[in-house]
Amino acid sequence: DSVEGRFTISRDNAKNTVYLQMSS
């Protein structure tokens, strides 16, 4: 709840990499 709407998690399965975009 503390990050909902501000953080976005994504992944690239081909690269076996996970990302976290953080804003505000």
PDB file of all heavy atoms in Angstrom:
ATOM      1  N   ASP A   1       0.823  -1.212   0.000  1.00  0.00           N
ATOM      2  CA  ASP A   1       0.000   0.000   0.000  1.00  0.00           C
ATOM      3  C   ASP A   1       0.857   1.262   0.000  1.00  0.00           C
ATOM      4  O   ASP A   1       0.484   2.274  -0.605  1.00  0.00           O
ATOM      5  CB  ASP A   1      -0.910   0.006   1.234  1.00  0.00           C
ATOM      6  CG  ASP A   1      -2.012  -1.039   1.143  1.00  0.00           C
ATOM      7  OD1 ASP A   1      -2.260  -1.554   0.032  1.00  0.00           O
ATOM      8  OD2 ASP A   1      -2.614  -1.339   2.193  1.00  0.00           O
ATOM      9  N   SER A   2       2.005   1.199   0.660  1.00  0.00           N
ATOM     10  CA  SER A   2       2.849   2.383   0.814  1.00  0.00           C
ATOM     11  C   SER A   2       3.466   2.852  -0.507  1.00  0.00           C
ATOM     12  O   SER A   2       3.899   4.003  -0.609  1.00  0.00           O
ATOM     13  CB  SER A   2       3.955   2.113   1.830  1.00  0.00           C
ATOM     14  OG  SER A   2       4.749   1.006   1.419  1.00  0.00           O
ATOM     15  N   VAL A   3       3.513   1.993  -1.525  1.00  0.00           N
ATOM     16  CA  VAL A   3       4.144   2.368  -2.797  1.00  0.00           C
ATOM     17  C   VAL A   3       3.173   2.295  -3.970  1.00  0.00           C
ATOM     18  O   VAL A   3       3.531   2.677  -5.090  1.00  0.00           O
ATOM     19  CB  VAL A   3       5.380   1.491  -3.093  1.00  0.00           C
ATOM     20  CG1 VAL A   3       6.346   1.501  -1.913  1.00  0.00           C
ATOM     21  CG2 VAL A   3       4.988   0.064  -3.441  1.00  0.00           C
ATOM     22  N   GLU A   4       1.965   1.817  -3.734  1.00  0.00           N
ATOM     23  CA  GLU A   4       0.970   1.681  -4.804  1.00  0.00           C
ATOM     24  C   GLU A   4       0.764   3.008  -5.516  1.00  0.00           C
ATOM     25  O   GLU A   4       0.599   4.060  -4.882  1.00  0.00           O
ATOM     26  CB  GLU A   4      -0.359   1.210  -4.198  1.00  0.00           C
ATOM     27  CG  GLU A   4      -1.488   1.038  -5.196  1.00  0.00           C
ATOM     28  CD  GLU A   4      -1.391  -0.262  -5.978  1.00  0.00           C
ATOM     29  OE1 GLU A   4      -1.277  -1.320  -5.349  1.00  0.00           O
ATOM     30  OE2 GLU A   4      -1.438  -0.196  -7.225  1.00  0.00           O
ATOM     31  N   GLY A   5       0.839   2.974  -6.830  1.00  0.00           N
ATOM     32  CA  GLY A   5       0.642   4.174  -7.628  1.00  0.00           C
ATOM     33  C   GLY A   5       1.911   4.981  -7.856  1.00  0.00           C
ATOM     34  O   GLY A   5       1.923   5.905  -8.680  1.00  0.00           O
ATOM     35  N   ARG A   6       2.985   4.650  -7.149  1.00  0.00           N
ATOM     36  CA  ARG A   6       4.248   5.387  -7.301  1.00  0.00           C
ATOM     37  C   ARG A   6       5.360   4.502  -7.864  1.00  0.00           C
ATOM     38  O   ARG A   6       6.264   4.990  -8.544  1.00  0.00           O
ATOM     39  CB  ARG A   6       4.708   5.953  -5.957  1.00  0.00           C
ATOM     40  CG  ARG A   6       3.711   6.905  -5.319  1.00  0.00           C
ATOM     41  CD  ARG A   6       4.295   7.580  -4.084  1.00  0.00           C
ATOM     42  NE  ARG A   6       4.626   6.622  -3.028  1.00  0.00           N
ATOM     43  CZ  ARG A   6       5.857   6.441  -2.527  1.00  0.00           C
ATOM     44  NH1 ARG A   6       6.883   7.139  -3.005  1.00  0.00           N
ATOM     45  NH2 ARG A   6       6.065   5.560  -1.562  1.00  0.00           N
ATOM     46  N   PHE A   7       5.311   3.209  -7.554  1.00  0.00           N
ATOM     47  CA  PHE A   7       6.334   2.269  -8.008  1.00  0.00           C
ATOM     48  C   PHE A   7       5.739   1.343  -9.067  1.00  0.00           C
ATOM     49  O   PHE A   7       4.557   0.990  -9.007  1.00  0.00           O
ATOM     50  CB  PHE A   7       6.838   1.409  -6.853  1.00  0.00           C
ATOM     51  CG  PHE A   7       7.685   2.129  -5.834  1.00  0.00           C
ATOM     52  CD1 PHE A   7       7.786   3.513  -5.810  1.00  0.00           C
ATOM     53  CD2 PHE A   7       8.384   1.410  -4.881  1.00  0.00           C
ATOM     54  CE1 PHE A   7       8.564   4.157  -4.864  1.00  0.00           C
ATOM     55  CE2 PHE A   7       9.171   2.035  -3.930  1.00  0.00           C
ATOM     56  CZ  PHE A   7       9.260   3.420  -3.918  1.00  0.00           C
ATOM     57  N   THR A   8       6.579   0.948 -10.021  1.00  0.00           N
ATOM     58  CA  THR A   8       6.176  -0.004 -11.051  1.00  0.00           C
ATOM     59  C   THR A   8       7.253  -1.072 -11.197  1.00  0.00           C
ATOM     60  O   THR A   8       8.411  -0.743 -11.466  1.00  0.00           O
ATOM     61  CB  THR A   8       5.969   0.690 -12.403  1.00  0.00           C
ATOM     62  OG1 THR A   8       4.972   1.704 -12.278  1.00  0.00           O
ATOM     63  CG2 THR A   8       5.513  -0.318 -13.459  1.00  0.00           C
ATOM     64  N   ILE A   9       6.854  -2.313 -11.011  1.00  0.00           N
ATOM     65  CA  ILE A   9       7.773  -3.429 -11.192  1.00  0.00           C
ATOM     66  C   ILE A   9       7.576  -4.013 -12.584  1.00  0.00           C
ATOM     67  O   ILE A   9       6.442  -4.087 -13.087  1.00  0.00           O
ATOM     68  CB  ILE A   9       7.576  -4.504 -10.097  1.00  0.00           C
ATOM     69  CG1 ILE A   9       8.665  -5.572 -10.173  1.00  0.00           C
ATOM     70  CG2 ILE A   9       6.183  -5.126 -10.172  1.00  0.00           C
ATOM     71  CD1 ILE A   9       8.648  -6.548  -8.976  1.00  0.00           C
ATOM     72  N   SER A  10       8.676  -4.411 -13.201  1.00  0.00           N
ATOM     73  CA  SER A  10       8.599  -5.038 -14.520  1.00  0.00           C
ATOM     74  C   SER A  10       9.729  -6.053 -14.625  1.00  0.00           C
ATOM     75  O   SER A  10      10.629  -6.084 -13.782  1.00  0.00           O
ATOM     76  CB  SER A  10       8.691  -3.998 -15.632  1.00  0.00           C
ATOM     77  OG  SER A  10       9.915  -3.281 -15.567  1.00  0.00           O
ATOM     78  N   ARG A  11       9.661  -6.872 -15.654  1.00  0.00           N
ATOM     79  CA  ARG A  11      10.689  -7.891 -15.825  1.00  0.00           C
ATOM     80  C   ARG A  11      10.938  -8.142 -17.300  1.00  0.00           C
ATOM     81  O   ARG A  11      10.027  -7.987 -18.130  1.00  0.00           O
ATOM     82  CB  ARG A  11      10.298  -9.182 -15.117  1.00  0.00           C
ATOM     83  CG  ARG A  11       9.037  -9.835 -15.639  1.00  0.00           C
ATOM     84  CD  ARG A  11       8.558 -10.950 -14.714  1.00  0.00           C
ATOM     85  NE  ARG A  11       9.430 -12.112 -14.737  1.00  0.00           N
ATOM     86  CZ  ARG A  11       9.370 -13.098 -13.847  1.00  0.00           C
ATOM     87  NH1 ARG A  11       8.490 -13.065 -12.871  1.00  0.00           N
ATOM     88  NH2 ARG A  11      10.188 -14.131 -13.949  1.00  0.00           N
ATOM     89  N   ASP A  12      12.156  -8.548 -17.590  1.00  0.00           N
ATOM     90  CA  ASP A  12      12.535  -8.976 -18.939  1.00  0.00           C
ATOM     91  C   ASP A  12      12.987 -10.419 -18.796  1.00  0.00           C
ATOM     92  O   ASP A  12      14.109 -10.687 -18.358  1.00  0.00           O
ATOM     93  CB  ASP A  12      13.661  -8.077 -19.466  1.00  0.00           C
ATOM     94  CG  ASP A  12      14.037  -8.401 -20.905  1.00  0.00           C
ATOM     95  OD1 ASP A  12      13.875  -9.568 -21.328  1.00  0.00           O
ATOM     96  OD2 ASP A  12      14.513  -7.493 -21.600  1.00  0.00           O
ATOM     97  N   ASN A  13      12.116 -11.343 -19.123  1.00  0.00           N
ATOM     98  CA  ASN A  13      12.424 -12.762 -18.920  1.00  0.00           C
ATOM     99  C   ASN A  13      13.595 -13.217 -19.778  1.00  0.00           C
ATOM    100  O   ASN A  13      14.369 -14.085 -19.375  1.00  0.00           O
ATOM    101  CB  ASN A  13      11.189 -13.611 -19.210  1.00  0.00           C
ATOM    102  CG  ASN A  13      10.091 -13.413 -18.181  1.00  0.00           C
ATOM    103  OD1 ASN A  13      10.367 -13.107 -17.020  1.00  0.00           O
ATOM    104  ND2 ASN A  13       8.846 -13.579 -18.600  1.00  0.00           N
ATOM    105  N   ALA A  14      13.738 -12.631 -20.946  1.00  0.00           N
ATOM    106  CA  ALA A  14      14.851 -13.018 -21.827  1.00  0.00           C
ATOM    107  C   ALA A  14      16.192 -12.645 -21.207  1.00  0.00           C
ATOM    108  O   ALA A  14      17.188 -13.360 -21.369  1.00  0.00           O
ATOM    109  CB  ALA A  14      14.689 -12.358 -23.182  1.00  0.00           C
ATOM    110  N   LYS A  15      16.207 -11.520 -20.502  1.00  0.00           N
ATOM    111  CA  LYS A  15      17.449 -11.063 -19.869  1.00  0.00           C
ATOM    112  C   LYS A  15      17.542 -11.507 -18.412  1.00  0.00           C
ATOM    113  O   LYS A  15      18.547 -11.231 -17.749  1.00  0.00           O
ATOM    114  CB  LYS A  15      17.541  -9.535 -19.932  1.00  0.00           C
ATOM    115  CG  LYS A  15      17.668  -8.978 -21.336  1.00  0.00           C
ATOM    116  CD  LYS A  15      17.796  -7.460 -21.305  1.00  0.00           C
ATOM    117  CE  LYS A  15      17.965  -6.900 -22.705  1.00  0.00           C
ATOM    118  NZ  LYS A  15      18.073  -5.412 -22.690  1.00  0.00           N
ATOM    119  N   ASN A  16      16.481 -12.144 -17.923  1.00  0.00           N
ATOM    120  CA  ASN A  16      16.443 -12.580 -16.517  1.00  0.00           C
ATOM    121  C   ASN A  16      16.730 -11.400 -15.584  1.00  0.00           C
ATOM    122  O   ASN A  16      17.513 -11.495 -14.639  1.00  0.00           O
ATOM    123  CB  ASN A  16      17.446 -13.712 -16.274  1.00  0.00           C
ATOM    124  CG  ASN A  16      16.942 -14.721 -15.261  1.00  0.00           C
ATOM    125  OD1 ASN A  16      15.754 -14.767 -14.943  1.00  0.00           O
ATOM    126  ND2 ASN A  16      17.843 -15.524 -14.741  1.00  0.00           N
ATOM    127  N   THR A  17      16.062 -10.306 -15.863  1.00  0.00           N
ATOM    128  CA  THR A  17      16.269  -9.058 -15.129  1.00  0.00           C
ATOM    129  C   THR A  17      14.927  -8.505 -14.687  1.00  0.00           C
ATOM    130  O   THR A  17      13.935  -8.599 -15.415  1.00  0.00           O
ATOM    131  CB  THR A  17      17.010  -8.033 -16.002  1.00  0.00           C
ATOM    132  OG1 THR A  17      18.271  -8.576 -16.391  1.00  0.00           O
ATOM    133  CG2 THR A  17      17.245  -6.732 -15.247  1.00  0.00           C
ATOM    134  N   VAL A  18      14.930  -7.936 -13.491  1.00  0.00           N
ATOM    135  CA  VAL A  18      13.725  -7.335 -12.925  1.00  0.00           C
ATOM    136  C   VAL A  18      14.024  -5.869 -12.629  1.00  0.00           C
ATOM    137  O   VAL A  18      15.138  -5.536 -12.206  1.00  0.00           O
ATOM    138  CB  VAL A  18      13.305  -8.062 -11.634  1.00  0.00           C
ATOM    139  CG1 VAL A  18      12.009  -7.482 -11.082  1.00  0.00           C
ATOM    140  CG2 VAL A  18      13.139  -9.556 -11.898  1.00  0.00           C
ATOM    141  N   TYR A  19      13.038  -5.013 -12.846  1.00  0.00           N
ATOM    142  CA  TYR A  19      13.215  -3.578 -12.667  1.00  0.00           C
ATOM    143  C   TYR A  19      12.206  -3.033 -11.661  1.00  0.00           C
ATOM    144  O   TYR A  19      11.127  -3.611 -11.475  1.00  0.00           O
ATOM    145  CB  TYR A  19      13.021  -2.847 -13.997  1.00  0.00           C
ATOM    146  CG  TYR A  19      13.910  -3.358 -15.101  1.00  0.00           C
ATOM    147  CD1 TYR A  19      13.445  -4.316 -16.000  1.00  0.00           C
ATOM    148  CD2 TYR A  19      15.208  -2.890 -15.249  1.00  0.00           C
ATOM    149  CE1 TYR A  19      14.255  -4.804 -17.012  1.00  0.00           C
ATOM    150  CE2 TYR A  19      16.026  -3.375 -16.256  1.00  0.00           C
ATOM    151  CZ  TYR A  19      15.548  -4.330 -17.137  1.00  0.00           C
ATOM    152  OH  TYR A  19      16.354  -4.809 -18.130  1.00  0.00           O
ATOM    153  N   LEU A  20      12.559  -1.918 -11.056  1.00  0.00           N
ATOM    154  CA  LEU A  20      11.625  -1.204 -10.192  1.00  0.00           C
ATOM    155  C   LEU A  20      11.734   0.285 -10.511  1.00  0.00           C
ATOM    156  O   LEU A  20      12.740   0.921 -10.202  1.00  0.00           O
ATOM    157  CB  LEU A  20      11.918  -1.443  -8.705  1.00  0.00           C
ATOM    158  CG  LEU A  20      10.893  -0.858  -7.742  1.00  0.00           C
ATOM    159  CD1 LEU A  20       9.553  -1.591  -7.871  1.00  0.00           C
ATOM    160  CD2 LEU A  20      11.389  -0.927  -6.298  1.00  0.00           C
ATOM    161  N   GLN A  21      10.709   0.808 -11.159  1.00  0.00           N
ATOM    162  CA  GLN A  21      10.641   2.239 -11.423  1.00  0.00           C
ATOM    163  C   GLN A  21       9.969   2.905 -10.241  1.00  0.00           C
ATOM    164  O   GLN A  21       8.850   2.541  -9.868  1.00  0.00           O
ATOM    165  CB  GLN A  21       9.848   2.512 -12.699  1.00  0.00           C
ATOM    166  CG  GLN A  21      10.493   1.967 -13.964  1.00  0.00           C
ATOM    167  CD  GLN A  21       9.591   2.162 -15.173  1.00  0.00           C
ATOM    168  OE1 GLN A  21       8.703   1.349 -15.435  1.00  0.00           O
ATOM    169  NE2 GLN A  21       9.800   3.228 -15.903  1.00  0.00           N
ATOM    170  N   MET A  22      10.653   3.881  -9.672  1.00  0.00           N
ATOM    171  CA  MET A  22      10.147   4.570  -8.489  1.00  0.00           C
ATOM    172  C   MET A  22       9.986   6.044  -8.815  1.00  0.00           C
ATOM    173  O   MET A  22      10.925   6.672  -9.314  1.00  0.00           O
ATOM    174  CB  MET A  22      11.119   4.389  -7.326  1.00  0.00           C
ATOM    175  CG  MET A  22      11.450   2.931  -7.023  1.00  0.00           C
ATOM    176  SD  MET A  22      12.496   2.739  -5.570  1.00  0.00           S
ATOM    177  CE  MET A  22      13.986   3.540  -6.150  1.00  0.00           C
ATOM    178  N   SER A  23       8.824   6.580  -8.538  1.00  0.00           N
ATOM    179  CA  SER A  23       8.587   7.998  -8.772  1.00  0.00           C
ATOM    180  C   SER A  23       7.917   8.597  -7.543  1.00  0.00           C
ATOM    181  O   SER A  23       7.487   7.878  -6.639  1.00  0.00           O
ATOM    182  CB  SER A  23       7.724   8.201 -10.016  1.00  0.00           C
ATOM    183  OG  SER A  23       6.463   7.581  -9.853  1.00  0.00           O
ATOM    184  N   SER A  24       7.830   9.916  -7.526  1.00  0.00           N
ATOM    185  CA  SER A  24       7.254  10.637  -6.383  1.00  0.00           C
ATOM    186  C   SER A  24       7.859  10.127  -5.078  1.00  0.00           C
ATOM    187  O   SER A  24       7.141   9.872  -4.108  1.00  0.00           O
ATOM    188  CB  SER A  24       5.724  10.477  -6.367  1.00  0.00           C
ATOM    189  OG  SER A  24       5.153  10.957  -7.562  1.00  0.00           O
TER     190      SER A  24
END
